[in-house]
């Protein structure tokens, strides 16, 4: 009984400390009170299928689990292979197609018919508001921020720390022409020094015509927040990029939901889907997919080749670091889905055959 009381007391003290710290970490959303969306109610964004709030008892149990459950195999026991990318390598790529580089976690570098685009760029050592604690990288990015070419567009899926990195944005703002962000996220970018006229905000299903084709912001089943007092004050979602010749889909973060089929029916088929496959758990099954659900999402989207993302860079759950890869390979083989698993930094074109390297397995 004493041990239980001690643990509960420590949790309460820790919770108070985190609450005080987070008072200064909340997002700074732009004014969105006038938005006309069925998914914006009482100053909060909502999923298409409303989530059931987690009772305090379950929230406390989850916190206790994080403190007491022993993690096994959540960090790599091998050196993660990373192919170094230089600006010269990128500039040597042709301008007549779409090239893709997986930088780590969900960070993607694209060369879209000569233009350089970044999706959810996180270059910091930790996916955290702090530089001394929080999930730390397993590997360095294939290219540094200083080595990047001028960026035409940065696309952000939502404002969680493993997708919206303040330190990266503050460096990118001087070399980036445009930022495409969900409604409300512009408030943070402006507070970090990005000029408002560089930012375009998107609601679900909103499209923007660019010189390279159509960009659309599409729904996911997730949530937003950078502290304890700003939950769902900004929008979250996924990205569709359709050029005259090819199309790709970037999932951001999501639980499995009927929206994938809606997106596939409206914008599919996709030459490549980049689908979240990692950081799943029964305790948050409605906001992150299992690998099996990720494969089903790809099928719903009418994808031709699937590249699993949101894995291999940070420890964000209780499963082993390689479990997402092992399970998505097994499920893709069972469902006859074409899977591409490039190494970080490995450059490929959207028309290339799928890369089938199992680089996460020890030799």
Protein backbone atom coordinates (compact mmCIF):
# COMPACT_ATOMS: atom_id res chain seq x y z
CA UNK A 1 0.00 0.00 0.00
CA UNK A 2 2.84 2.37 0.82
CA UNK A 3 4.44 1.78 -2.57
CA UNK A 4 1.14 2.46 -4.36
CA UNK A 5 0.64 5.71 -2.43
CA UNK A 6 4.23 6.73 -3.16
CA UNK A 7 3.83 6.09 -6.89
CA UNK A 8 0.54 8.00 -6.99
CA UNK A 9 2.06 10.91 -5.09
CA UNK A 10 4.98 11.06 -7.49
CA UNK A 11 2.60 10.96 -10.44
CA UNK A 12 0.61 13.85 -8.99
CA UNK A 13 3.76 15.89 -8.41
CA UNK A 14 5.02 15.06 -11.88
CA UNK A 15 1.66 15.99 -13.36
CA UNK A 16 1.71 19.36 -11.60
CA UNK A 17 5.25 20.01 -12.82
CA UNK A 18 4.34 19.10 -16.39
CA UNK A 19 1.23 21.30 -16.20
CA UNK A 20 3.27 24.30 -15.05
CA UNK A 21 5.87 23.72 -17.76
CA UNK A 22 3.23 23.27 -20.44
CA UNK A 23 1.58 26.58 -19.67
CA UNK A 24 4.36 28.10 -21.79
CA UNK A 25 4.30 25.41 -24.49
CA UNK A 26 0.78 25.71 -25.84
CA UNK A 27 0.24 26.36 -29.52
CA UNK A 28 -0.54 29.87 -30.70
CA UNK A 29 -3.35 29.27 -33.18
CA UNK A 30 -4.55 32.01 -35.46
CA UNK A 31 -8.08 33.32 -35.03
CA UNK A 32 -10.31 30.55 -36.37
CA UNK A 33 -13.59 31.44 -34.65
CA UNK A 34 -15.23 32.35 -37.94
CA UNK A 35 -14.44 29.11 -39.73
CA UNK A 36 -17.46 27.42 -41.28
CA UNK A 37 -16.75 23.73 -40.78
CA UNK A 38 -18.88 21.00 -39.36
CA UNK A 39 -15.77 19.68 -37.62
CA UNK A 40 -15.12 22.95 -35.73
CA UNK A 41 -17.32 23.27 -32.66
CA UNK A 42 -16.94 25.17 -29.38
CA UNK A 43 -13.47 26.43 -30.40
CA UNK A 44 -12.18 22.90 -30.99
CA UNK A 45 -11.65 20.82 -34.09
CA UNK A 46 -13.32 17.40 -34.16
CA UNK A 47 -12.78 14.16 -36.01
CA UNK A 48 -15.44 13.01 -38.45
CA UNK A 49 -16.15 10.15 -36.04
CA UNK A 50 -15.94 11.77 -32.57
CA UNK A 51 -13.44 10.23 -30.17
CA UNK A 52 -14.63 9.08 -26.76
CA UNK A 53 -12.76 11.09 -24.10
CA UNK A 54 -10.44 8.94 -21.99
CA UNK A 55 -11.63 8.83 -18.34
CA UNK A 56 -9.24 10.17 -15.73
CA UNK A 57 -8.69 6.67 -14.35
CA UNK A 58 -7.52 5.40 -17.75
CA UNK A 59 -5.35 8.47 -18.27
CA UNK A 60 -3.71 7.91 -14.88
CA UNK A 61 -3.21 4.23 -15.69
CA UNK A 62 -1.53 5.17 -18.99
CA UNK A 63 0.83 7.58 -17.22
CA UNK A 64 1.61 4.86 -14.67
CA UNK A 65 2.33 2.48 -17.53
CA UNK A 66 4.84 4.89 -19.05
CA UNK A 67 6.63 5.11 -15.69
CA UNK A 68 6.59 1.44 -14.72
CA UNK A 69 6.44 -0.72 -17.85
CA UNK A 70 9.84 -1.97 -18.92
CA UNK A 71 10.52 -1.32 -22.58
CA UNK A 72 12.23 -4.08 -24.53
CA UNK A 73 13.78 -3.60 -27.97
CA UNK A 74 12.37 -0.12 -28.51
CA UNK A 75 15.77 1.25 -29.56
CA UNK A 76 17.92 -0.26 -32.34
CA UNK A 77 20.66 -2.80 -31.61
CA UNK A 78 22.11 -2.14 -35.06
CA UNK A 79 23.50 0.96 -36.74
CA UNK A 80 20.69 2.43 -38.81
CA UNK A 81 21.91 2.68 -42.41
CA UNK A 82 21.73 6.24 -43.73
CA UNK A 83 22.72 7.31 -47.23
CA UNK A 84 24.21 10.82 -47.16
CA UNK A 85 22.58 13.27 -49.55
CA UNK A 86 24.25 16.43 -50.83
CA UNK A 87 22.81 19.44 -52.59
CA UNK A 88 24.82 18.42 -55.64
CA UNK A 89 23.09 15.01 -55.61
CA UNK A 90 19.70 16.70 -55.56
CA UNK A 91 20.53 19.22 -58.26
CA UNK A 92 21.74 16.39 -60.51
CA UNK A 93 18.29 14.79 -60.46
CA UNK A 94 16.14 15.32 -63.52
CA UNK A 95 13.34 17.88 -63.56
CA UNK A 96 10.92 15.75 -65.58
CA UNK A 97 9.51 13.57 -62.80
CA UNK A 98 8.97 13.38 -59.03
CA UNK A 99 11.84 12.24 -56.78
CA UNK A 100 11.46 11.16 -53.14
CA UNK A 101 13.85 10.97 -50.17
CA UNK A 102 12.79 9.60 -46.77
CA UNK A 103 14.75 11.74 -44.31
CA UNK A 104 13.59 10.06 -41.09
CA UNK A 105 10.35 9.38 -39.19
CA UNK A 106 7.73 11.21 -41.31
CA UNK A 107 10.07 13.82 -42.82
CA UNK A 108 10.09 13.65 -46.61
CA UNK A 109 12.07 15.63 -49.19
CA UNK A 110 10.57 15.81 -52.67
CA UNK A 111 11.89 17.15 -55.94
CA UNK A 112 8.68 17.90 -57.81
CA UNK A 113 9.53 18.61 -61.44
CA UNK A 114 12.45 20.79 -60.41
CA UNK A 115 10.94 22.27 -57.23
CA UNK A 116 12.08 21.17 -53.77
CA UNK A 117 9.31 20.42 -51.27
CA UNK A 118 9.59 19.29 -47.65
CA UNK A 119 6.87 17.45 -45.72
CA UNK A 120 6.86 17.54 -41.89
CA UNK A 121 10.56 18.47 -41.63
CA UNK A 122 12.01 17.49 -38.23
CA UNK A 123 15.79 17.90 -38.12
CA UNK A 124 16.22 18.36 -34.35
CA UNK A 125 17.88 15.73 -32.18
CA UNK A 126 14.70 15.24 -30.14
CA UNK A 127 10.99 15.18 -30.96
CA UNK A 128 10.31 17.30 -27.91
CA UNK A 129 9.93 20.89 -26.72
CA UNK A 130 13.18 20.38 -24.80
CA UNK A 131 16.72 19.75 -26.01
CA UNK A 132 17.62 17.74 -22.90
CA UNK A 133 14.73 15.27 -22.67
CA UNK A 134 12.21 13.50 -24.86
CA UNK A 135 12.48 10.99 -27.73
CA UNK A 136 15.97 11.16 -29.23
CA UNK A 137 16.92 10.31 -32.81
CA UNK A 138 18.27 6.87 -33.66
CA UNK A 139 20.17 8.35 -36.63
CA UNK A 140 21.18 11.68 -38.10
CA UNK A 141 19.27 13.18 -41.06
CA UNK A 142 20.73 12.25 -44.47
CA UNK A 143 21.19 15.94 -45.22
CA UNK A 144 21.60 18.87 -42.85
CA UNK A 145 19.46 21.98 -42.86
CA UNK A 146 22.49 24.02 -43.96
CA UNK A 147 23.00 21.79 -47.01
CA UNK A 148 19.43 21.99 -48.28
CA UNK A 149 18.74 23.78 -51.55
CA UNK A 150 16.19 26.61 -51.59
CA UNK A 151 12.80 25.14 -50.70
CA UNK A 152 9.70 26.01 -52.70
CA UNK A 153 7.14 24.54 -50.31
CA UNK A 154 6.97 23.15 -46.78
CA UNK A 155 3.87 21.08 -46.01
CA UNK A 156 2.86 20.41 -42.38
CA UNK A 157 0.30 17.72 -41.42
CA UNK A 158 -0.29 18.79 -37.78
CA UNK A 159 1.46 20.47 -34.87
CA UNK A 160 2.80 17.57 -32.77
CA UNK A 161 6.50 17.83 -31.98
CA UNK A 162 7.49 14.90 -34.21
CA UNK A 163 5.89 16.69 -37.20
CA UNK A 164 6.23 20.42 -36.51
CA UNK A 165 9.74 21.27 -35.32
CA UNK A 166 10.21 24.86 -34.20
CA UNK A 167 14.02 24.81 -34.55
CA UNK A 168 13.79 23.51 -38.11
CA UNK A 169 11.13 26.02 -39.12
CA UNK A 170 13.17 28.94 -37.76
CA UNK A 171 16.03 27.96 -40.08
CA UNK A 172 13.84 27.00 -43.03
CA UNK A 173 11.89 30.27 -43.01
CA UNK A 174 14.75 32.12 -44.69
CA UNK A 175 15.06 29.64 -47.59
CA UNK A 176 11.39 28.70 -48.08
CA UNK A 177 8.95 30.41 -50.44
CA UNK A 178 5.67 28.93 -49.13
CA UNK A 179 4.33 27.08 -46.10
CA UNK A 180 1.16 24.99 -46.49
CA UNK A 181 -0.34 24.29 -43.06
CA UNK A 182 -3.60 23.18 -41.41
CA UNK A 183 -5.95 25.88 -40.15
CA UNK A 184 -4.59 27.43 -36.96
CA UNK A 185 -0.98 26.26 -37.34
CA UNK A 186 -0.13 29.55 -39.03
CA UNK A 187 -0.26 31.16 -35.58
CA UNK A 188 2.80 29.23 -34.43
CA UNK A 189 4.70 29.88 -37.65
CA UNK A 190 4.07 33.61 -37.48
CA UNK A 191 5.20 33.71 -33.84
CA UNK A 192 8.44 31.97 -34.93
CA UNK A 193 9.17 34.60 -37.57
CA UNK A 194 7.55 33.30 -40.77
CA UNK A 195 5.98 36.10 -42.83
CA UNK A 196 2.20 35.74 -42.93
CA UNK A 197 2.16 36.23 -46.70
CA UNK A 198 4.27 33.07 -47.08
CA UNK A 199 1.65 30.93 -45.34
CA UNK A 200 -1.42 29.28 -46.87
CA UNK A 201 -3.85 27.61 -44.45
CA UNK A 202 -6.02 24.65 -45.37
CA UNK A 203 -9.26 23.16 -44.16
CA UNK A 204 -10.16 19.55 -45.00
CA UNK A 205 -10.83 19.00 -48.71
CA UNK A 206 -9.42 22.40 -49.61
CA UNK A 207 -7.31 22.45 -52.78
CA UNK A 208 -4.59 24.76 -54.06
CA UNK A 209 -3.43 24.89 -57.66
CA UNK A 210 0.35 25.22 -57.97
CA UNK A 211 2.72 25.44 -60.92
CA UNK A 212 3.35 21.71 -60.53
CA UNK A 213 -0.22 20.51 -60.03
CA UNK A 214 -2.91 20.27 -57.36
CA UNK A 215 -2.28 20.07 -53.62
CA UNK A 216 -5.20 19.03 -51.40
CA UNK A 217 -5.50 18.77 -47.62
CA UNK A 218 -7.55 15.76 -46.60
CA UNK A 219 -8.94 14.42 -43.30
CA UNK A 220 -7.33 12.06 -40.82
CA UNK A 221 -8.52 10.69 -37.50
CA UNK A 222 -6.12 12.23 -35.02
CA UNK A 223 -5.75 15.28 -32.75
CA UNK A 224 -3.48 18.28 -32.17
CA UNK A 225 -1.73 20.10 -29.34
CA UNK A 226 1.69 21.19 -28.15
CA UNK A 227 0.85 21.57 -24.44
CA UNK A 228 -1.84 20.73 -21.93
CA UNK A 229 -4.14 23.66 -22.62
CA UNK A 230 -4.36 23.79 -26.40
CA UNK A 231 -5.79 20.42 -27.39
CA UNK A 232 -7.44 20.41 -30.83
CA UNK A 233 -7.18 24.18 -31.23
CA UNK A 234 -5.51 23.62 -34.60
CA UNK A 235 -6.44 21.24 -37.41
CA UNK A 236 -4.69 18.01 -38.48
CA UNK A 237 -4.78 16.05 -41.74
CA UNK A 238 -3.04 14.47 -44.71
CA UNK A 239 -1.76 15.69 -48.07
CA UNK A 240 -2.56 14.79 -51.66
CA UNK A 241 -0.15 15.90 -54.38
CA UNK A 242 -1.34 15.41 -57.96
CA UNK A 243 0.89 16.44 -60.84
CA UNK A 244 -0.24 16.05 -64.47
CA UNK A 245 1.68 12.77 -64.67
CA UNK A 246 1.76 11.27 -61.14
CA UNK A 247 0.11 11.44 -57.74
CA UNK A 248 1.12 10.67 -54.19
CA UNK A 249 -0.46 10.64 -50.76
CA UNK A 250 1.07 11.50 -47.37
CA UNK A 251 -0.96 10.30 -44.40
CA UNK A 252 0.37 12.36 -41.52
CA UNK A 253 -0.91 10.59 -38.38
CA UNK A 254 -4.22 8.78 -38.19
CA UNK A 255 -6.21 5.97 -36.76
CA UNK A 256 -7.89 3.75 -39.32
CA UNK A 257 -11.19 5.27 -40.51
CA UNK A 258 -13.59 5.44 -43.43
CA UNK A 259 -11.92 8.64 -44.66
CA UNK A 260 -9.20 6.71 -46.47
CA UNK A 261 -11.76 5.26 -48.86
CA UNK A 262 -13.29 8.70 -49.37
CA UNK A 263 -9.88 10.11 -50.28
CA UNK A 264 -9.17 7.18 -52.58
CA UNK A 265 -12.51 7.60 -54.33
CA UNK A 266 -11.97 11.34 -54.82
CA UNK A 267 -8.26 11.53 -55.64
CA UNK A 268 -7.02 8.00 -56.29
CA UNK A 269 -5.42 5.97 -57.64
CA UNK A 270 -2.06 7.00 -56.20
CA UNK A 271 1.30 6.00 -57.66
CA UNK A 272 2.75 6.12 -54.13
CA UNK A 273 1.17 6.26 -50.69
CA UNK A 274 3.32 7.24 -47.71
CA UNK A 275 1.34 5.78 -44.82
CA UNK A 276 1.95 6.00 -41.07
CA UNK A 277 3.19 2.63 -39.80
CA UNK A 278 4.51 2.97 -36.26
CA UNK A 279 3.86 4.23 -32.70
CA UNK A 280 0.69 2.15 -32.29
CA UNK A 281 -0.78 0.66 -29.12
CA UNK A 282 -4.10 -0.64 -27.84
CA UNK A 283 -4.28 2.33 -25.44
CA UNK A 284 -4.47 4.77 -28.35
CA UNK A 285 -5.81 2.56 -31.13
CA UNK A 286 -8.21 5.22 -32.45
CA UNK A 287 -5.47 7.72 -33.37
CA UNK A 288 -2.64 5.50 -34.69
CA UNK A 289 -2.94 2.47 -36.97
CA UNK A 290 -1.47 -0.98 -36.60
CA UNK A 291 0.65 -2.06 -39.59
CA UNK A 292 -2.21 -4.25 -40.75
CA UNK A 293 -4.55 -1.26 -40.72
CA UNK A 294 -1.93 0.80 -42.57
CA UNK A 295 -1.96 -1.75 -45.40
CA UNK A 296 -5.76 -1.62 -45.48
CA UNK A 297 -5.59 2.19 -45.63
CA UNK A 298 -3.29 1.91 -48.66
CA UNK A 299 -5.79 -0.42 -50.33
CA UNK A 300 -8.64 1.99 -49.53
CA UNK A 301 -6.62 4.82 -51.06
CA UNK A 302 -6.19 2.83 -54.29
CA UNK A 303 -2.43 3.01 -53.97
CA UNK A 304 -0.05 1.22 -56.34
CA UNK A 305 3.08 1.24 -54.12
CA UNK A 306 3.11 1.83 -50.35
CA UNK A 307 6.02 3.32 -48.40
CA UNK A 308 5.64 2.97 -44.61
CA UNK A 309 6.60 6.11 -42.66
CA UNK A 310 6.51 7.28 -39.00
CA UNK A 311 9.07 4.68 -37.97
CA UNK A 312 12.77 3.94 -37.52
CA UNK A 313 13.80 7.32 -36.03
CA UNK A 314 12.18 7.90 -32.61
CA UNK A 315 10.98 5.69 -29.75
CA UNK A 316 7.34 6.76 -29.38
CA UNK A 317 5.57 3.59 -28.18
CA UNK A 318 6.06 0.26 -26.40
CA UNK A 319 6.54 -2.03 -29.40
CA UNK A 320 10.02 -2.92 -30.63
CA UNK A 321 11.56 -0.45 -33.04
CA UNK A 322 11.51 -2.99 -35.89
CA UNK A 323 8.02 -4.38 -35.27
CA UNK A 324 6.34 -1.92 -37.71
CA UNK A 325 8.60 -3.12 -40.54
CA UNK A 326 8.23 -6.82 -39.76
CA UNK A 327 4.45 -6.63 -39.53
CA UNK A 328 3.89 -4.40 -42.54
CA UNK A 329 6.05 -6.69 -44.70
CA UNK A 330 4.11 -9.75 -43.57
CA UNK A 331 0.74 -8.06 -44.14
CA UNK A 332 1.71 -6.62 -47.52
CA UNK A 333 2.75 -10.07 -48.68
CA UNK A 334 -0.51 -11.56 -47.39
CA UNK A 335 -2.60 -8.86 -49.11
CA UNK A 336 -0.42 -8.78 -52.26
CA UNK A 337 0.42 -5.12 -51.75
CA UNK A 338 3.60 -3.74 -53.34
CA UNK A 339 5.76 -2.33 -50.53
CA UNK A 340 8.76 -0.03 -50.86
CA UNK A 341 11.21 0.21 -47.95
CA UNK A 342 14.08 2.53 -48.91
CA UNK A 343 16.90 3.35 -46.52
CA UNK A 344 16.96 6.84 -45.08
CA UNK A 345 18.53 9.10 -47.69
CA UNK A 346 18.00 6.66 -50.56
CA UNK A 347 16.81 8.71 -53.53
CA UNK A 348 14.23 7.19 -55.86
CA UNK A 349 11.76 8.34 -58.47
CA UNK A 350 8.04 7.79 -58.29
CA UNK A 351 8.21 5.69 -61.46
CA UNK A 352 10.95 3.40 -60.10
CA UNK A 353 10.19 -0.19 -59.06
CA UNK A 354 9.59 -0.71 -55.34
CA UNK A 355 12.69 -0.94 -53.12
CA UNK A 356 12.53 -4.22 -51.20
CA UNK A 357 15.56 -3.96 -48.91
CA UNK A 358 15.05 -5.27 -45.36
CA UNK A 359 17.68 -2.91 -43.97
CA UNK A 360 16.35 -3.12 -40.38
CA UNK A 361 17.33 -6.77 -40.04
CA UNK A 362 20.77 -7.51 -38.54
CA UNK A 363 23.08 -9.34 -40.93
